[in-house]
């Protein structure tokens, strides 16, 4: 959300969870877990960044790879 205060733009950031759920459970993302991977997609089918998802860098890269693998196998759509 962006607000104007005089000539300055003030941007309010949404609070994002800082703990990676994969690190907490000590598991890795898998392409067959469709419901889990859909949580990291927007309604248009784009992959969200780690600042939005709250994943660590390692698991964000793995989630991205698993989403792409699931798309290739037609388990997830490329676009909605």
N, C-alpha and C. Protein backbone atom coordinates (compact mmCIF):
# COMPACT_ATOMS: atom_id res chain seq x y z
N UNK A 1 0.85 -1.16 0.00
CA UNK A 1 0.00 0.00 0.00
C UNK A 1 0.90 1.23 0.00
N UNK A 2 0.59 2.18 -0.87
CA UNK A 2 1.41 3.38 -0.99
C UNK A 2 0.55 4.59 -0.62
N UNK A 3 1.08 5.42 0.25
CA UNK A 3 0.40 6.65 0.64
C UNK A 3 1.28 7.83 0.29
N UNK A 4 0.67 8.96 0.07
CA UNK A 4 1.41 10.19 -0.20
C UNK A 4 1.44 11.04 1.06
N UNK A 5 2.61 11.57 1.36
CA UNK A 5 2.77 12.52 2.46
C UNK A 5 3.56 13.67 1.88
N UNK A 6 2.84 14.67 1.42
CA UNK A 6 3.51 15.77 0.74
C UNK A 6 4.03 15.29 -0.59
N UNK A 7 5.31 15.49 -0.83
CA UNK A 7 5.92 15.03 -2.07
C UNK A 7 6.54 13.64 -1.94
N UNK A 8 6.57 13.10 -0.72
CA UNK A 8 7.19 11.81 -0.48
C UNK A 8 6.16 10.70 -0.60
N UNK A 9 6.61 9.57 -1.08
CA UNK A 9 5.78 8.38 -1.11
C UNK A 9 6.15 7.52 0.09
N UNK A 10 5.15 7.09 0.82
CA UNK A 10 5.37 6.23 1.97
C UNK A 10 4.80 4.86 1.63
N UNK A 11 5.63 3.85 1.70
CA UNK A 11 5.21 2.49 1.36
C UNK A 11 5.12 1.67 2.63
N UNK A 12 3.95 1.09 2.87
CA UNK A 12 3.77 0.23 4.02
C UNK A 12 3.93 -1.21 3.55
N UNK A 13 4.85 -1.93 4.18
CA UNK A 13 5.08 -3.32 3.84
C UNK A 13 4.21 -4.22 4.70
N UNK A 14 3.77 -5.30 4.10
CA UNK A 14 2.97 -6.27 4.84
C UNK A 14 3.88 -7.10 5.72
N UNK A 15 3.42 -7.47 6.90
CA UNK A 15 4.26 -8.36 7.72
C UNK A 15 4.35 -9.73 7.08
N UNK A 16 5.56 -10.27 7.03
CA UNK A 16 5.82 -11.55 6.39
C UNK A 16 6.43 -12.47 7.42
N UNK A 17 6.02 -13.74 7.45
CA UNK A 17 6.66 -14.66 8.39
C UNK A 17 8.14 -14.82 8.05
N UNK A 18 8.96 -14.82 9.08
CA UNK A 18 10.40 -14.87 8.86
C UNK A 18 10.96 -16.28 9.04
N UNK A 19 10.15 -17.20 9.52
CA UNK A 19 10.63 -18.55 9.74
C UNK A 19 10.25 -19.43 8.56
N UNK A 20 11.22 -20.13 8.03
CA UNK A 20 10.98 -21.01 6.89
C UNK A 20 10.27 -22.28 7.39
N UNK A 21 9.09 -22.60 6.83
CA UNK A 21 8.38 -23.81 7.29
C UNK A 21 9.12 -25.10 6.96
N UNK A 22 9.90 -25.10 5.88
CA UNK A 22 10.67 -26.30 5.54
C UNK A 22 11.82 -26.51 6.50
N UNK A 23 12.43 -25.43 6.98
CA UNK A 23 13.51 -25.56 7.97
C UNK A 23 12.95 -26.04 9.31
N UNK A 24 11.77 -25.56 9.66
CA UNK A 24 11.17 -25.96 10.93
C UNK A 24 10.81 -27.44 10.95
N UNK A 25 10.26 -27.94 9.82
CA UNK A 25 9.87 -29.35 9.74
C UNK A 25 11.02 -30.26 9.33
N UNK A 26 12.13 -29.66 8.88
CA UNK A 26 13.31 -30.40 8.40
C UNK A 26 12.95 -31.33 7.25
N UNK A 27 12.22 -30.78 6.27
CA UNK A 27 11.86 -31.51 5.05
C UNK A 27 12.22 -30.63 3.86
N UNK A 28 12.15 -31.21 2.68
CA UNK A 28 12.39 -30.47 1.45
C UNK A 28 11.12 -30.47 0.61
N UNK A 29 10.92 -29.44 -0.21
CA UNK A 29 9.73 -29.42 -1.08
C UNK A 29 9.81 -30.51 -2.13
N UNK A 30 8.65 -31.02 -2.53
CA UNK A 30 8.58 -32.08 -3.53
C UNK A 30 7.53 -31.71 -4.56
N UNK A 31 7.79 -32.05 -5.82
CA UNK A 31 6.90 -31.64 -6.90
C UNK A 31 5.54 -32.32 -6.84
N UNK A 32 5.40 -33.43 -6.13
CA UNK A 32 4.11 -34.10 -6.03
C UNK A 32 3.20 -33.45 -4.98
N UNK A 33 3.74 -32.60 -4.14
CA UNK A 33 2.96 -31.90 -3.12
C UNK A 33 2.34 -30.66 -3.76
N UNK A 34 1.28 -30.85 -4.51
CA UNK A 34 0.69 -29.77 -5.30
C UNK A 34 0.08 -28.69 -4.40
N UNK A 35 -0.62 -29.10 -3.35
CA UNK A 35 -1.26 -28.10 -2.48
C UNK A 35 -0.22 -27.26 -1.76
N UNK A 36 0.90 -27.88 -1.39
CA UNK A 36 1.97 -27.13 -0.74
C UNK A 36 2.64 -26.13 -1.68
N UNK A 37 2.81 -26.52 -2.93
CA UNK A 37 3.45 -25.63 -3.90
C UNK A 37 2.53 -24.50 -4.35
N UNK A 38 1.22 -24.76 -4.36
CA UNK A 38 0.27 -23.71 -4.77
C UNK A 38 0.28 -22.52 -3.81
N UNK A 39 0.74 -22.74 -2.59
CA UNK A 39 0.80 -21.65 -1.62
C UNK A 39 1.84 -20.61 -2.01
N UNK A 40 2.79 -21.00 -2.87
CA UNK A 40 3.86 -20.09 -3.28
C UNK A 40 3.64 -19.52 -4.67
N UNK A 41 2.43 -19.67 -5.20
CA UNK A 41 2.06 -19.10 -6.50
C UNK A 41 1.02 -18.01 -6.29
N UNK A 42 1.03 -17.01 -7.17
CA UNK A 42 -0.02 -16.01 -7.14
C UNK A 42 -1.26 -16.57 -7.83
N UNK A 43 -2.34 -15.82 -7.82
CA UNK A 43 -3.56 -16.28 -8.47
C UNK A 43 -3.40 -16.35 -9.98
N UNK A 44 -2.41 -15.67 -10.52
CA UNK A 44 -2.14 -15.72 -11.96
C UNK A 44 -1.11 -16.79 -12.33
N UNK A 45 -0.54 -17.46 -11.33
CA UNK A 45 0.39 -18.55 -11.60
C UNK A 45 1.85 -18.17 -11.53
N UNK A 46 2.16 -16.96 -11.08
CA UNK A 46 3.56 -16.55 -10.96
C UNK A 46 4.14 -17.02 -9.63
N UNK A 47 5.43 -17.27 -9.62
CA UNK A 47 6.11 -17.69 -8.40
C UNK A 47 6.41 -16.46 -7.56
N UNK A 48 6.04 -16.50 -6.28
CA UNK A 48 6.27 -15.36 -5.41
C UNK A 48 7.72 -15.37 -4.93
N UNK A 49 8.23 -14.19 -4.62
CA UNK A 49 9.59 -14.05 -4.12
C UNK A 49 9.70 -14.43 -2.67
N UNK A 50 10.95 -14.58 -2.22
CA UNK A 50 11.15 -15.02 -0.84
C UNK A 50 10.81 -13.94 0.17
N UNK A 51 10.76 -12.68 -0.26
CA UNK A 51 10.33 -11.63 0.66
C UNK A 51 8.85 -11.73 0.94
N UNK A 52 8.09 -12.32 0.05
CA UNK A 52 6.65 -12.51 0.24
C UNK A 52 6.33 -13.83 0.94
N UNK A 53 7.10 -14.87 0.63
CA UNK A 53 6.78 -16.19 1.15
C UNK A 53 7.36 -16.46 2.53
N UNK A 54 8.48 -15.82 2.86
CA UNK A 54 9.11 -16.05 4.15
C UNK A 54 10.03 -17.26 4.16
N UNK A 55 10.35 -17.81 2.98
CA UNK A 55 11.26 -18.95 2.90
C UNK A 55 12.70 -18.48 2.97
N UNK A 56 13.58 -19.39 3.38
CA UNK A 56 15.00 -19.08 3.33
C UNK A 56 15.48 -19.22 1.89
N UNK A 57 16.68 -18.77 1.60
CA UNK A 57 17.19 -18.77 0.23
C UNK A 57 17.29 -20.18 -0.35
N UNK A 58 17.76 -21.11 0.45
CA UNK A 58 17.93 -22.48 -0.02
C UNK A 58 16.60 -23.09 -0.42
N UNK A 59 15.60 -22.94 0.43
CA UNK A 59 14.31 -23.56 0.14
C UNK A 59 13.52 -22.77 -0.91
N UNK A 60 13.77 -21.48 -1.04
CA UNK A 60 13.13 -20.73 -2.12
C UNK A 60 13.61 -21.23 -3.48
N UNK A 61 14.90 -21.50 -3.61
CA UNK A 61 15.43 -22.04 -4.86
C UNK A 61 14.86 -23.43 -5.14
N UNK A 62 14.74 -24.24 -4.11
CA UNK A 62 14.20 -25.59 -4.30
C UNK A 62 12.72 -25.56 -4.63
N UNK A 63 11.96 -24.68 -3.99
CA UNK A 63 10.53 -24.55 -4.31
C UNK A 63 10.36 -24.10 -5.75
N UNK A 64 11.17 -23.16 -6.20
CA UNK A 64 11.10 -22.70 -7.59
C UNK A 64 11.37 -23.84 -8.55
N UNK A 65 12.38 -24.63 -8.27
CA UNK A 65 12.70 -25.77 -9.13
C UNK A 65 11.59 -26.81 -9.15
N UNK A 66 10.99 -27.07 -7.99
CA UNK A 66 9.92 -28.07 -7.91
C UNK A 66 8.65 -27.57 -8.60
N UNK A 67 8.37 -26.27 -8.52
CA UNK A 67 7.23 -25.72 -9.24
C UNK A 67 7.43 -25.86 -10.74
N UNK A 68 8.64 -25.57 -11.20
CA UNK A 68 8.92 -25.71 -12.63
C UNK A 68 8.84 -27.16 -13.08
N UNK A 69 9.28 -28.08 -12.24
CA UNK A 69 9.18 -29.50 -12.57
C UNK A 69 7.71 -29.93 -12.62
N UNK A 70 6.91 -29.47 -11.67
CA UNK A 70 5.49 -29.82 -11.66
C UNK A 70 4.76 -29.22 -12.86
N UNK A 71 5.17 -28.04 -13.29
CA UNK A 71 4.58 -27.45 -14.49
C UNK A 71 4.92 -28.27 -15.72
N UNK A 72 6.15 -28.73 -15.81
CA UNK A 72 6.58 -29.52 -16.96
C UNK A 72 5.81 -30.84 -17.04
N UNK A 73 5.49 -31.41 -15.90
CA UNK A 73 4.74 -32.67 -15.85
C UNK A 73 3.23 -32.47 -15.86
N UNK A 74 2.79 -31.23 -16.08
CA UNK A 74 1.36 -30.86 -16.17
C UNK A 74 0.61 -31.07 -14.86
N UNK A 75 1.31 -30.98 -13.75
CA UNK A 75 0.63 -31.05 -12.46
C UNK A 75 0.17 -29.66 -12.01
N UNK A 76 0.88 -28.65 -12.46
CA UNK A 76 0.51 -27.25 -12.20
C UNK A 76 0.41 -26.52 -13.54
N UNK A 77 -0.47 -25.54 -13.64
CA UNK A 77 -0.57 -24.79 -14.90
C UNK A 77 0.55 -23.76 -15.01
N UNK A 78 0.93 -23.45 -16.25
CA UNK A 78 1.90 -22.38 -16.48
C UNK A 78 1.26 -21.03 -16.20
N UNK A 79 0.02 -20.85 -16.67
CA UNK A 79 -0.74 -19.62 -16.42
C UNK A 79 -2.14 -20.02 -16.00
N UNK A 80 -2.79 -19.13 -15.28
CA UNK A 80 -4.16 -19.41 -14.84
C UNK A 80 -5.16 -18.78 -15.78
